[in-house]
Amino acid sequence: MSAPLLTETELAESLTDLPDWTRDGDVLRRTVQAPNFLAGIELVRQVADAAEAANHHPDIDIRWRNVSFGLSTHDSGGLTALDTELAHTIDQLAARLD
């Protein structure tokens, strides 16, 4: 069963708590700049653990120490609470890099 899509109002409200994320159509995007390449890889590993536990997997692109995340609930055809919840988790993990 797919998760219900967020309404435009729900999505706008959710994004106020996610200032580092931008909406690109049906995808939430954020790029994190890690202190170095290995820290970026460790962030990806930690996000992978969280994503596996939530059974919700982001698109991830690694370019040296820049790690980009894309979140969308493909089963539902757009953005759901699963995406905003994982965005918060990624923010928490990224905050530990500093």
C-alpha atoms as a PDB file:
ATOM      1  CA  MET A   1       0.000   0.000   0.000  1.00  0.00           C
ATOM      2  CA  SER A   2       1.388   3.390  -0.957  1.00  0.00           C
ATOM      3  CA  ALA A   3       1.616   6.350   1.405  1.00  0.00           C
ATOM      4  CA  PRO A   4      -0.822   9.250   0.906  1.00  0.00           C
ATOM      5  CA  LEU A   5       0.536  12.272  -0.941  1.00  0.00           C
ATOM      6  CA  LEU A   6       1.048  15.455   1.043  1.00  0.00           C
ATOM      7  CA  THR A   7      -1.226  18.343   0.115  1.00  0.00           C
ATOM      8  CA  GLU A   8       0.420  21.563  -1.049  1.00  0.00           C
ATOM      9  CA  THR A   9      -0.355  23.096   2.360  1.00  0.00           C
ATOM     10  CA  GLU A  10       1.109  20.136   4.262  1.00  0.00           C
ATOM     11  CA  LEU A  11       4.204  20.209   2.077  1.00  0.00           C
ATOM     12  CA  ALA A  12       4.690  23.962   2.533  1.00  0.00           C
ATOM     13  CA  GLU A  13       4.373  23.557   6.302  1.00  0.00           C
ATOM     14  CA  SER A  14       6.836  20.647   6.307  1.00  0.00           C
ATOM     15  CA  LEU A  15       9.400  22.612   4.320  1.00  0.00           C
ATOM     16  CA  THR A  16       9.439  25.406   6.927  1.00  0.00           C
ATOM     17  CA  ASP A  17      11.154  22.872   9.218  1.00  0.00           C
ATOM     18  CA  LEU A  18      13.519  21.761   6.433  1.00  0.00           C
ATOM     19  CA  PRO A  19      15.301  24.976   5.371  1.00  0.00           C
ATOM     20  CA  ASP A  20      18.180  23.158   3.637  1.00  0.00           C
ATOM     21  CA  TRP A  21      15.811  21.272   1.313  1.00  0.00           C
ATOM     22  CA  THR A  22      14.308  22.514  -1.934  1.00  0.00           C
ATOM     23  CA  ARG A  23      11.384  21.195  -3.859  1.00  0.00           C
ATOM     24  CA  ASP A  24      12.016  20.196  -7.455  1.00  0.00           C
ATOM     25  CA  GLY A  25       8.634  19.019  -8.730  1.00  0.00           C
ATOM     26  CA  ASP A  26       7.935  15.723  -6.962  1.00  0.00           C
ATOM     27  CA  VAL A  27      11.401  15.520  -5.392  1.00  0.00           C
ATOM     28  CA  LEU A  28      12.948  17.085  -2.288  1.00  0.00           C
ATOM     29  CA  ARG A  29      16.651  17.850  -2.773  1.00  0.00           C
ATOM     30  CA  ARG A  30      19.561  18.714  -0.542  1.00  0.00           C
ATOM     31  CA  THR A  31      23.318  18.708  -0.994  1.00  0.00           C
ATOM     32  CA  VAL A  32      25.545  18.297   2.048  1.00  0.00           C
ATOM     33  CA  GLN A  33      29.184  19.312   1.920  1.00  0.00           C
ATOM     34  CA  ALA A  34      31.137  16.922   4.132  1.00  0.00           C
ATOM     35  CA  PRO A  35      34.495  17.915   5.655  1.00  0.00           C
ATOM     36  CA  ASN A  36      36.207  15.316   3.457  1.00  0.00           C
ATOM     37  CA  PHE A  37      35.443  12.408   1.153  1.00  0.00           C
ATOM     38  CA  LEU A  38      35.461   9.725   3.858  1.00  0.00           C
ATOM     39  CA  ALA A  39      33.060  11.740   6.021  1.00  0.00           C
ATOM     40  CA  GLY A  40      30.722  11.957   3.025  1.00  0.00           C
ATOM     41  CA  ILE A  41      30.895   8.199   2.551  1.00  0.00           C
ATOM     42  CA  GLU A  42      30.181   7.674   6.253  1.00  0.00           C
ATOM     43  CA  LEU A  43      27.151   9.974   5.968  1.00  0.00           C
ATOM     44  CA  VAL A  44      25.894   7.871   3.054  1.00  0.00           C
ATOM     45  CA  ARG A  45      26.354   4.702   5.134  1.00  0.00           C
ATOM     46  CA  GLN A  46      24.402   6.177   8.035  1.00  0.00           C
ATOM     47  CA  VAL A  47      21.624   7.415   5.740  1.00  0.00           C
ATOM     48  CA  ALA A  48      21.525   3.962   4.116  1.00  0.00           C
ATOM     49  CA  ASP A  49      20.988   2.358   7.542  1.00  0.00           C
ATOM     50  CA  ALA A  50      18.172   4.798   8.351  1.00  0.00           C
ATOM     51  CA  ALA A  51      16.613   4.362   4.908  1.00  0.00           C
ATOM     52  CA  GLU A  52      16.704   0.590   5.182  1.00  0.00           C
ATOM     53  CA  ALA A  53      15.064   0.737   8.613  1.00  0.00           C
ATOM     54  CA  ALA A  54      12.315   2.994   7.204  1.00  0.00           C
ATOM     55  CA  ASN A  55      12.050   0.970   3.976  1.00  0.00           C
ATOM     56  CA  HIS A  56      12.279   4.277   2.100  1.00  0.00           C
ATOM     57  CA  HIS A  57      15.352   4.831  -0.034  1.00  0.00           C
ATOM     58  CA  PRO A  58      16.700   8.143  -1.343  1.00  0.00           C
ATOM     59  CA  ASP A  59      18.546   8.803  -4.564  1.00  0.00           C
ATOM     60  CA  ILE A  60      22.136   9.608  -3.596  1.00  0.00           C
ATOM     61  CA  ASP A  61      24.876  11.205  -5.690  1.00  0.00           C
ATOM     62  CA  ILE A  62      28.427  11.583  -4.382  1.00  0.00           C
ATOM     63  CA  ARG A  63      30.849  14.075  -5.948  1.00  0.00           C
ATOM     64  CA  TRP A  64      34.048  14.243  -3.888  1.00  0.00           C
ATOM     65  CA  ARG A  65      32.795  15.659  -0.583  1.00  0.00           C
ATOM     66  CA  ASN A  66      29.398  16.833  -1.874  1.00  0.00           C
ATOM     67  CA  VAL A  67      26.609  14.352  -1.175  1.00  0.00           C
ATOM     68  CA  SER A  68      23.273  15.072  -2.848  1.00  0.00           C
ATOM     69  CA  PHE A  69      20.022  13.485  -1.773  1.00  0.00           C
ATOM     70  CA  GLY A  70      16.749  13.223  -3.671  1.00  0.00           C
ATOM     71  CA  LEU A  71      13.585  12.107  -1.903  1.00  0.00           C
ATOM     72  CA  SER A  72      10.313  11.060  -3.506  1.00  0.00           C
ATOM     73  CA  THR A  73       7.814   8.304  -2.843  1.00  0.00           C
ATOM     74  CA  HIS A  74       7.750   6.629  -6.244  1.00  0.00           C
ATOM     75  CA  ASP A  75       4.971   4.173  -5.260  1.00  0.00           C
ATOM     76  CA  SER A  76       2.706   7.129  -4.483  1.00  0.00           C
ATOM     77  CA  GLY A  77       3.809   9.276  -7.402  1.00  0.00           C
ATOM     78  CA  GLY A  78       4.977  12.239  -5.366  1.00  0.00           C
ATOM     79  CA  LEU A  79       5.893  13.542  -1.956  1.00  0.00           C
ATOM     80  CA  THR A  80       4.654  11.930   1.255  1.00  0.00           C
ATOM     81  CA  ALA A  81       5.398  12.066   4.964  1.00  0.00           C
ATOM     82  CA  LEU A  82       7.991   9.342   4.323  1.00  0.00           C
ATOM     83  CA  ASP A  83      10.043  11.902   2.402  1.00  0.00           C
ATOM     84  CA  THR A  84       9.843  14.653   4.998  1.00  0.00           C
ATOM     85  CA  GLU A  85      10.590  12.198   7.811  1.00  0.00           C
ATOM     86  CA  LEU A  86      13.692  10.909   6.014  1.00  0.00           C
ATOM     87  CA  ALA A  87      14.727  14.512   5.238  1.00  0.00           C
ATOM     88  CA  HIS A  88      14.669  15.249   8.986  1.00  0.00           C
ATOM     89  CA  THR A  89      16.766  12.139   9.638  1.00  0.00           C
ATOM     90  CA  ILE A  90      19.293  13.167   6.981  1.00  0.00           C
ATOM     91  CA  ASP A  91      19.469  16.654   8.537  1.00  0.00           C
ATOM     92  CA  GLN A  92      20.179  15.137  11.955  1.00  0.00           C
ATOM     93  CA  LEU A  93      22.921  12.903  10.549  1.00  0.00           C
ATOM     94  CA  ALA A  94      24.439  15.742   8.511  1.00  0.00           C
ATOM     95  CA  ALA A  95      24.516  18.000  11.581  1.00  0.00           C
ATOM     96  CA  ARG A  96      26.905  15.536  13.224  1.00  0.00           C
ATOM     97  CA  LEU A  97      29.480  16.174  10.473  1.00  0.00           C
ATOM     98  CA  ASP A  98      30.360  19.633  11.806  1.00  0.00           C
END
